[in-house]
Amino acid sequence: MRLHSSSLHSSLRDPVLGSIGFLNEVMSRYPEAISFAPGAPHPDTFEDIDTERYVDKFIDYLVHTGRSPEQARRLLFEYGPSRGIINGIVADALRRDHGIDAPENTLVMTVGAQEAMLLVLRALFRSAEGVLAVANPCFVGIIGAARLLDIDVIPVDETDAGIDLDGLERTCRSSREDGRPVRALYVAPDFSNPGAAHMSLGGRRRLLDLAEREGFLVIEDNAYGFTAAAGAELPPLKALDTARSVVHIGTFAKVAFPGARVGYVIADQPVGSASGGTSLLADELAAVKSMVTVNTSPLCQAVIGGMLLEHGGSVMELSGRKSEIYQRNLTCLVDALDRHLGDGSHPGIRWNRPSGGFFVRIRLPVPVDAALLEVSAAKYGVLWTPMRQFYLDQAGDHQLRLSCSYLDPERIEEGVRRLTAFLSEEVERRRDSGTIG
């Protein structure tokens, strides 16, 4: 049987689903180029990983808490519960490090944060009546999940200080008047991907007040909060959530390692039923998960559980050295941009100065597209990510994203030197040709 793309789900033709594959393809064609494209963890963070030791530590924990050695080993080889087997360890760590007081039965362990997004959206959106609001620009993973589930998405502008709360309030009002209220908002308050926005404590409190008043849930993505400078950390939205308005999504991809594919979602919202009973949203997510991935690999969960136990049951202890690497790299990147591009001879080229995370955005006076990336890679040996794929409108057409996470300082310096040559020559050439003013 021969199929045609028009007979398949429309999301498969959405550019969002092909954006990551496009970058991987360009990187494979220019392996010698310095790449600021991937937001991947630094290879040095994998050096001391000993999966066997971590599994043994987790088994010891299971035995110490009441299982026999045979029962503990079998737990790792069987399917296991859909909601997970390290929920208590993770709940204790979040309570200790972030002030999130979430009982273990409100957690579901997922196959990375991406699955958590899919489960949450599937459970929350039963019809086309509601819409998902997202910060603009936005992580492509949540957009892709919404597209797969036929959920309409509405953008709300994001600034360096986080989502525009006045704009969000207007969006809630207009959507409600149109008969399609905002059902949920996706936001990453700590150094978002790709915008690197960081929401103030006051902004976080105002967002929660708005969510309670307007009746929408906040889907909080907390992938990069651990990269904040020591002493500058702010509490996650979930730690401030007194009305159970926040569904909190986390991942061990950055604080441990991405190959484990272990994330989690906190969903403590009560769900009433027609019979008068009450369950938790986490129970519903576990039911959905049982029809998707069945469970998150117990062996992978054991590795993460053992890593946390070895670091005193603390995410902050586990991620401390990694945070230092990313703070160092971010400082190197911004300093290099200041030295090479900040002398006033490059009008129209501007960049933000985030205090954490993996990313820096640069605005150019020329359109930033795949063709320009091809020139950068082939002629100048430097790769980056066009920002247009992260926007739901044309606001990102003149922006690119640099990621500093995967590189060493000397490669960052050389990469910025190449980027400077590329920007100087290409912008000047286009100015001379009359394509920019």
Protein backbone atom coordinates (compact mmCIF):
# COMPACT_ATOMS: atom_id res chain seq x y z
CA MET A 1 0.00 0.00 0.00
CA ARG A 2 1.35 3.40 -1.02
CA LEU A 3 0.64 6.31 1.32
CA HIS A 4 0.60 10.03 0.61
CA SER A 5 1.61 12.68 3.12
CA SER A 6 -1.81 14.33 2.76
CA SER A 7 -3.39 11.20 4.27
CA LEU A 8 -1.21 11.35 7.39
CA HIS A 9 -1.64 13.56 10.42
CA SER A 10 -1.15 17.23 9.58
CA SER A 11 1.43 17.67 12.36
CA LEU A 12 3.92 15.60 10.34
CA ARG A 13 4.12 18.44 7.85
CA ASP A 14 4.60 21.09 10.51
CA PRO A 15 8.08 22.70 10.34
CA VAL A 16 8.40 22.36 14.13
CA LEU A 17 8.69 18.58 13.87
CA GLY A 18 11.52 18.87 11.36
CA SER A 19 13.51 21.62 13.07
CA ILE A 20 15.76 19.41 15.20
CA GLY A 21 16.37 17.01 12.33
CA PHE A 22 17.38 19.94 10.13
CA LEU A 23 20.02 21.10 12.61
CA ASN A 24 21.39 17.58 13.02
CA GLU A 25 21.65 17.25 9.25
CA VAL A 26 23.57 20.52 8.90
CA MET A 27 25.92 19.53 11.73
CA SER A 28 26.61 16.17 10.10
CA ARG A 29 27.61 17.88 6.84
CA TYR A 30 30.03 20.26 8.57
CA PRO A 31 31.66 18.17 11.32
CA GLU A 32 34.67 20.52 11.55
CA ALA A 33 32.56 23.59 12.22
CA ILE A 34 32.36 24.95 15.75
CA SER A 35 28.75 24.44 16.75
CA PHE A 36 26.80 26.76 19.00
CA ALA A 37 23.66 24.86 17.95
CA PRO A 38 23.04 21.98 20.39
CA GLY A 39 21.78 22.67 23.88
CA ALA A 40 23.39 19.45 25.05
CA PRO A 41 25.19 18.85 28.36
CA HIS A 42 28.97 19.28 28.39
CA PRO A 43 30.86 15.98 27.81
CA ASP A 44 32.96 16.56 30.94
CA THR A 45 29.84 16.03 33.04
CA PHE A 46 29.81 12.35 32.02
CA GLU A 47 33.34 11.50 33.16
CA ASP A 48 32.55 10.13 36.63
CA ILE A 49 29.31 8.32 35.78
CA ASP A 50 29.34 4.72 37.03
CA THR A 51 25.93 3.24 36.30
CA GLU A 52 26.69 -0.09 38.00
CA ARG A 53 27.63 1.63 41.24
CA TYR A 54 24.48 3.74 41.18
CA VAL A 55 22.25 0.70 40.57
CA ASP A 56 23.91 -1.15 43.45
CA LYS A 57 23.33 1.86 45.70
CA PHE A 58 19.66 1.95 44.78
CA ILE A 59 19.30 -1.79 45.42
CA ASP A 60 20.90 -1.30 48.85
CA TYR A 61 18.36 1.45 49.50
CA LEU A 62 15.48 -0.87 48.57
CA VAL A 63 16.80 -3.57 50.88
CA HIS A 64 17.29 -1.08 53.68
CA THR A 65 13.69 0.10 53.29
CA GLY A 66 12.19 -3.39 53.55
CA ARG A 67 12.62 -5.46 50.40
CA SER A 68 14.62 -8.63 50.21
CA PRO A 69 17.67 -8.61 47.89
CA GLU A 70 15.76 -10.79 45.43
CA GLN A 71 12.70 -8.52 45.47
CA ALA A 72 14.91 -5.48 44.96
CA ARG A 73 16.64 -6.98 41.93
CA ARG A 74 13.38 -8.20 40.41
CA LEU A 75 11.91 -4.70 40.67
CA LEU A 76 14.51 -3.51 38.17
CA PHE A 77 13.77 -6.30 35.68
CA GLU A 78 9.99 -6.08 35.61
CA TYR A 79 7.66 -3.50 34.06
CA GLY A 80 6.98 -1.76 37.34
CA PRO A 81 4.28 0.79 38.16
CA SER A 82 3.49 3.44 35.55
CA ARG A 83 3.99 6.23 38.07
CA GLY A 84 7.58 5.14 38.86
CA ILE A 85 9.80 3.59 41.53
CA ILE A 86 11.99 6.52 42.67
CA ASN A 87 9.18 8.94 43.44
CA GLY A 88 9.96 9.14 47.14
CA ILE A 89 13.65 9.89 46.57
CA VAL A 90 12.82 12.60 44.04
CA ALA A 91 10.07 14.10 46.24
CA ASP A 92 12.48 14.31 49.19
CA ALA A 93 15.13 15.99 47.02
CA LEU A 94 12.67 18.59 45.69
CA ARG A 95 11.44 19.33 49.19
CA ARG A 96 15.00 19.74 50.50
CA ASP A 97 16.45 21.73 47.62
CA HIS A 98 13.55 23.74 46.20
CA GLY A 99 10.93 23.92 48.92
CA ILE A 100 8.43 21.96 46.83
CA ASP A 101 6.32 20.01 49.31
CA ALA A 102 4.89 17.34 47.02
CA PRO A 103 3.99 13.88 48.40
CA GLU A 104 5.42 11.04 46.33
CA ASN A 105 1.97 10.00 45.10
CA THR A 106 1.69 13.34 43.27
CA LEU A 107 4.74 12.50 41.12
CA VAL A 108 4.89 10.50 37.90
CA MET A 109 8.32 9.51 36.57
CA THR A 110 8.44 9.99 32.80
CA VAL A 111 10.62 9.23 29.81
CA GLY A 112 12.22 12.66 29.93
CA ALA A 113 10.40 15.97 30.15
CA GLN A 114 9.07 15.54 26.62
CA GLU A 115 6.81 12.65 27.60
CA ALA A 116 5.65 14.63 30.63
CA MET A 117 4.51 17.44 28.32
CA LEU A 118 2.61 15.01 26.10
CA LEU A 119 0.89 13.32 29.06
CA VAL A 120 -0.14 16.62 30.65
CA LEU A 121 -1.54 18.05 27.43
CA ARG A 122 -3.43 14.84 26.61
CA ALA A 123 -5.04 14.79 30.04
CA LEU A 124 -5.95 18.50 30.19
CA PHE A 125 -7.34 19.09 26.70
CA ARG A 126 -10.38 16.95 25.98
CA SER A 127 -11.80 19.12 23.19
CA ALA A 128 -11.06 22.12 21.01
CA GLU A 129 -12.82 24.44 23.47
CA GLY A 130 -9.65 25.56 25.28
CA VAL A 131 -6.30 26.83 24.08
CA LEU A 132 -2.73 26.46 25.27
CA ALA A 133 -0.90 29.74 25.84
CA VAL A 134 2.89 29.69 25.48
CA ALA A 135 5.68 32.18 25.88
CA ASN A 136 6.84 33.50 22.52
CA PRO A 137 9.60 32.39 21.73
CA CYS A 138 8.96 28.91 23.04
CA PHE A 139 10.64 25.51 23.35
CA VAL A 140 9.74 23.49 20.26
CA GLY A 141 8.97 20.38 22.34
CA ILE A 142 5.75 21.78 23.80
CA ILE A 143 4.67 23.17 20.42
CA GLY A 144 5.31 19.81 18.77
CA ALA A 145 3.36 17.96 21.46
CA ALA A 146 0.42 20.34 21.01
CA ARG A 147 0.51 19.87 17.24
CA LEU A 148 0.46 16.08 17.62
CA LEU A 149 -2.63 16.37 19.83
CA ASP A 150 -4.46 18.97 17.69
CA ILE A 151 -4.35 21.55 20.48
CA ASP A 152 -4.50 25.16 19.40
CA VAL A 153 -1.62 27.30 20.68
CA ILE A 154 -1.67 31.04 21.27
CA PRO A 155 1.55 33.05 21.80
CA VAL A 156 2.25 35.60 24.52
CA ASP A 157 5.36 37.72 24.11
CA GLU A 158 8.33 37.03 26.36
CA THR A 159 10.89 39.59 27.49
CA ASP A 160 14.19 39.10 29.31
CA ALA A 161 12.14 39.32 32.53
CA GLY A 162 9.82 36.51 31.49
CA ILE A 163 6.39 36.30 29.97
CA ASP A 164 4.55 39.60 29.46
CA LEU A 165 1.96 39.36 32.23
CA ASP A 166 -0.07 42.31 30.95
CA GLY A 167 -0.16 40.64 27.54
CA LEU A 168 -1.15 37.33 29.14
CA GLU A 169 -4.03 39.01 30.96
CA ARG A 170 -5.23 40.53 27.68
CA THR A 171 -4.92 37.15 25.98
CA CYS A 172 -7.00 35.48 28.69
CA ARG A 173 -9.69 38.12 28.33
CA SER A 174 -9.88 37.98 24.53
CA SER A 175 -9.79 34.17 24.45
CA ARG A 176 -12.57 33.98 26.99
CA GLU A 177 -14.67 36.43 24.97
CA ASP A 178 -14.12 34.25 21.88
CA GLY A 179 -15.48 31.25 23.75
CA ARG A 180 -12.14 29.45 23.85
CA PRO A 181 -10.56 30.22 27.22
CA VAL A 182 -6.93 29.66 28.08
CA ARG A 183 -6.87 26.20 29.62
CA ALA A 184 -3.15 26.11 30.44
CA LEU A 185 0.00 28.19 30.10
CA TYR A 186 3.42 26.71 29.38
CA VAL A 187 6.28 28.73 30.87
CA ALA A 188 9.92 28.23 31.88
CA PRO A 189 10.61 30.93 34.50
CA ASP A 190 14.31 30.08 34.91
CA PHE A 191 16.50 30.77 31.83
CA SER A 192 14.05 29.52 29.24
CA ASN A 193 15.00 27.74 26.02
CA PRO A 194 15.52 29.61 23.72
CA GLY A 195 14.92 33.09 25.13
CA ALA A 196 16.93 32.73 28.39
CA ALA A 197 14.26 34.77 30.20
CA HIS A 198 14.37 34.87 33.99
CA MET A 199 11.24 35.78 35.91
CA SER A 200 11.55 37.84 39.09
CA LEU A 201 10.05 36.73 42.38
CA GLY A 202 7.40 39.41 42.07
CA GLY A 203 6.61 38.27 38.54
CA ARG A 204 6.21 34.70 39.73
CA ARG A 205 3.77 35.69 42.43
CA ARG A 206 1.79 37.85 40.02
CA LEU A 207 1.61 34.98 37.51
CA LEU A 208 0.21 32.65 40.16
CA ASP A 209 -2.37 35.24 41.19
CA LEU A 210 -3.40 35.64 37.56
CA ALA A 211 -3.67 31.86 37.07
CA GLU A 212 -5.94 31.52 40.09
CA ARG A 213 -8.08 34.46 39.04
CA GLU A 214 -8.42 33.36 35.41
CA GLY A 215 -8.72 29.65 36.16
CA PHE A 216 -5.88 28.25 34.05
CA LEU A 217 -3.14 25.81 35.00
CA VAL A 218 0.52 26.74 34.73
CA ILE A 219 2.76 24.08 33.19
CA GLU A 220 6.17 24.93 34.64
CA ASP A 221 9.29 23.62 32.88
CA ASN A 222 12.30 23.65 35.21
CA ALA A 223 15.14 22.30 33.05
CA TYR A 224 17.64 25.13 33.64
CA GLY A 225 16.98 26.47 37.13
CA PHE A 226 20.06 24.66 38.48
CA THR A 227 22.35 26.93 36.40
CA ALA A 228 21.62 30.01 38.51
CA ALA A 229 24.67 31.55 40.18
CA ALA A 230 25.17 30.46 43.78
CA GLY A 231 23.00 32.57 46.05
CA ALA A 232 20.88 33.91 43.19
CA GLU A 233 18.41 31.04 42.99
CA LEU A 234 14.70 31.81 43.05
CA PRO A 235 12.01 29.36 44.16
CA PRO A 236 10.22 27.49 41.37
CA LEU A 237 6.61 28.44 40.77
CA LYS A 238 5.54 25.15 42.35
CA ALA A 239 7.23 26.10 45.63
CA LEU A 240 5.06 29.26 45.73
CA ASP A 241 1.88 27.51 44.61
CA THR A 242 -0.74 27.55 47.37
CA ALA A 243 -3.76 27.01 45.09
CA ARG A 244 -2.48 23.94 43.21
CA SER A 245 -2.36 25.95 40.01
CA VAL A 246 1.04 24.62 38.86
CA VAL A 247 1.90 21.36 37.15
CA HIS A 248 5.67 21.13 37.52
CA ILE A 249 7.84 19.32 34.95
CA GLY A 250 11.47 18.46 35.60
CA THR A 251 14.19 16.37 34.02
CA PHE A 252 17.46 14.70 34.98
CA ALA A 253 18.87 15.18 31.46
CA LYS A 254 20.98 18.17 32.46
CA VAL A 255 21.63 17.57 36.18
CA ALA A 256 22.51 13.87 35.64
CA PHE A 257 22.79 12.79 31.99
CA PRO A 258 20.35 12.75 29.06
CA GLY A 259 20.86 9.10 28.10
CA ALA A 260 18.95 7.98 31.19
CA ARG A 261 15.76 9.52 29.72
CA VAL A 262 14.23 10.16 33.14
CA GLY A 263 12.02 13.12 33.92
CA TYR A 264 9.09 13.73 36.22
CA VAL A 265 5.88 15.66 36.61
CA ILE A 266 4.24 16.89 39.81
CA ALA A 267 0.46 16.95 39.42
CA ASP A 268 -1.21 17.38 42.82
CA GLN A 269 -4.47 18.83 41.52
CA PRO A 270 -7.61 17.04 42.83
CA VAL A 271 -9.89 15.59 40.14
CA GLY A 272 -13.54 15.00 40.99
CA SER A 273 -15.65 12.31 39.31
CA ALA A 274 -19.31 11.81 38.47
CA SER A 275 -19.57 9.27 41.28
CA GLY A 276 -18.45 11.85 43.82
CA GLY A 277 -14.98 10.42 44.29
CA THR A 278 -11.72 12.33 44.06
CA SER A 279 -8.39 11.36 42.56
CA LEU A 280 -5.22 13.27 41.71
CA LEU A 281 -4.21 14.55 38.31
CA ALA A 282 -1.08 12.41 38.80
CA ASP A 283 -3.32 9.32 38.85
CA GLU A 284 -4.80 10.35 35.51
CA LEU A 285 -1.35 10.97 34.03
CA ALA A 286 -0.22 7.52 35.17
CA ALA A 287 -3.24 6.02 33.41
CA VAL A 288 -2.40 7.87 30.20
CA LYS A 289 1.24 6.78 30.49
CA SER A 290 0.16 3.13 30.77
CA MET A 291 -1.14 3.48 27.21
CA VAL A 292 1.97 5.29 25.89
CA THR A 293 5.27 4.01 27.29
CA VAL A 294 3.75 1.73 30.00
CA ASN A 295 6.52 2.69 32.41
CA THR A 296 9.82 4.52 32.60
CA SER A 297 12.71 2.05 32.49
CA PRO A 298 13.25 0.81 36.08
CA LEU A 299 16.96 0.36 35.36
CA CYS A 300 17.25 3.98 34.27
CA GLN A 301 15.28 5.11 37.30
CA ALA A 302 17.62 3.05 39.50
CA VAL A 303 20.63 4.86 38.05
CA ILE A 304 19.09 8.26 38.78
CA GLY A 305 17.93 7.15 42.21
CA GLY A 306 21.44 5.90 43.02
CA MET A 307 22.99 9.16 41.80
CA LEU A 308 20.73 11.17 44.08
CA LEU A 309 21.43 8.89 47.05
CA GLU A 310 25.18 9.15 46.47
CA HIS A 311 24.83 12.95 46.61
CA GLY A 312 22.95 13.00 49.89
CA GLY A 313 19.53 12.87 48.27
CA SER A 314 20.08 16.35 46.83
CA VAL A 315 19.59 17.60 43.29
CA MET A 316 21.67 20.66 44.15
CA GLU A 317 24.61 18.50 45.28
CA LEU A 318 24.28 16.36 42.17
CA SER A 319 24.23 19.36 39.85
CA GLY A 320 26.73 21.64 41.65
CA ARG A 321 29.80 20.97 39.48
CA LYS A 322 27.69 21.08 36.32
CA SER A 323 26.28 24.46 37.27
CA GLU A 324 29.82 25.82 37.65
CA ILE A 325 30.73 24.61 34.14
CA TYR A 326 27.70 26.31 32.59
CA GLN A 327 28.22 29.54 34.51
CA ARG A 328 31.84 29.55 33.30
CA ASN A 329 30.81 28.92 29.70
CA LEU A 330 28.08 31.56 29.72
CA THR A 331 30.51 34.13 31.10
CA CYS A 332 33.06 33.18 28.43
CA LEU A 333 30.49 33.56 25.67
CA VAL A 334 29.15 36.95 26.74
CA ASP A 335 32.68 38.28 27.39
CA ALA A 336 33.82 37.12 23.95
CA LEU A 337 30.84 38.78 22.27
CA ASP A 338 31.60 42.00 24.14
CA ARG A 339 35.25 41.97 23.04
CA HIS A 340 34.71 40.98 19.41
CA LEU A 341 31.39 42.66 18.59
CA GLY A 342 30.92 45.31 21.25
CA ASP A 343 33.24 48.01 19.92
CA GLY A 344 30.46 49.95 18.18
CA SER A 345 31.55 48.97 14.67
CA HIS A 346 28.68 46.54 14.16
CA PRO A 347 25.48 48.64 14.20
CA GLY A 348 22.26 46.72 14.39
CA ILE A 349 23.82 43.67 16.07
CA ARG A 350 22.65 43.22 19.68
CA TRP A 351 22.57 40.38 22.18
CA ASN A 352 21.04 39.68 25.55
CA ARG A 353 23.01 39.02 28.74
CA PRO A 354 21.37 36.20 30.70
CA SER A 355 22.57 35.31 34.19
CA GLY A 356 22.07 31.56 33.74
CA GLY A 357 21.03 28.83 31.36
CA PHE A 358 22.64 27.65 28.12
CA PHE A 359 21.62 30.30 25.59
CA VAL A 360 22.32 33.79 24.26
CA ARG A 361 20.19 35.45 21.57
CA ILE A 362 21.64 37.76 18.92
CA ARG A 363 19.55 40.15 16.83
CA LEU A 364 20.78 41.01 13.33
CA PRO A 365 19.74 43.67 10.81
CA VAL A 366 19.33 40.93 8.18
CA PRO A 367 16.93 37.96 7.91
CA VAL A 368 18.24 34.86 9.64
CA ASP A 369 17.30 31.72 7.75
CA ALA A 370 18.58 28.33 6.61
CA ALA A 371 20.44 29.86 3.68
CA LEU A 372 22.37 32.18 5.98
CA LEU A 373 23.21 29.27 8.28
CA GLU A 374 24.53 27.34 5.29
CA VAL A 375 26.89 30.22 4.44
CA SER A 376 28.03 30.45 8.05
CA ALA A 377 28.81 26.74 8.21
CA ALA A 378 30.41 26.32 4.80
CA LYS A 379 32.44 29.52 4.55
CA TYR A 380 33.18 30.45 8.17
CA GLY A 381 33.02 27.13 10.02
CA VAL A 382 30.56 28.16 12.70
CA LEU A 383 27.04 26.87 13.40
CA TRP A 384 24.13 28.35 15.34
CA THR A 385 20.35 28.04 15.47
CA PRO A 386 17.88 30.31 13.65
CA MET A 387 15.35 31.66 16.14
CA ARG A 388 12.39 31.69 13.74
CA GLN A 389 11.58 28.05 14.54
CA PHE A 390 10.89 29.00 18.16
CA TYR A 391 8.32 31.69 17.33
CA LEU A 392 4.67 31.37 16.40
CA ASP A 393 4.90 34.60 14.43
CA GLN A 394 7.63 36.41 12.48
CA ALA A 395 9.20 38.10 15.52
CA GLY A 396 12.26 35.85 15.40
CA ASP A 397 13.12 36.27 11.73
CA HIS A 398 16.14 38.47 12.53
CA GLN A 399 17.50 36.50 15.47
CA LEU A 400 19.83 33.56 16.08
CA ARG A 401 20.52 31.50 19.19
CA LEU A 402 23.95 30.55 20.53
CA SER A 403 24.30 27.67 22.98
CA CYS A 404 27.42 27.58 25.15
CA SER A 405 26.78 24.35 27.04
CA TYR A 406 28.64 21.84 24.87
CA LEU A 407 31.88 23.76 24.26
CA ASP A 408 35.09 24.47 26.16
CA PRO A 409 36.21 28.10 26.71
CA GLU A 410 38.86 28.01 23.96
CA ARG A 411 36.32 26.72 21.43
CA ILE A 412 33.85 29.39 22.53
CA GLU A 413 36.51 32.06 21.93
CA GLU A 414 37.41 30.70 18.49
CA GLY A 415 33.76 30.24 17.63
CA VAL A 416 32.97 33.88 18.45
CA ARG A 417 35.97 34.96 16.39
CA ARG A 418 34.57 33.04 13.38
CA LEU A 419 31.08 34.34 14.10
CA THR A 420 32.41 37.90 14.13
CA ALA A 421 34.04 37.44 10.74
CA PHE A 422 30.83 35.95 9.39
CA LEU A 423 28.61 38.72 10.76
CA SER A 424 30.96 41.51 9.71
CA GLU A 425 31.32 40.32 6.13
CA GLU A 426 27.79 39.06 5.50
CA VAL A 427 25.99 42.01 7.08
CA GLU A 428 28.27 44.44 5.21
CA ARG A 429 27.74 42.57 1.95
CA ARG A 430 23.98 42.68 2.33
CA ARG A 431 24.09 46.34 3.30
CA ASP A 432 26.09 47.12 0.17
CA SER A 433 23.64 45.16 -1.94
CA GLY A 434 20.77 47.19 -0.56
CA THR A 435 19.02 44.32 1.17
CA ILE A 436 19.17 46.21 4.50
CA GLY A 437 19.08 49.88 5.28
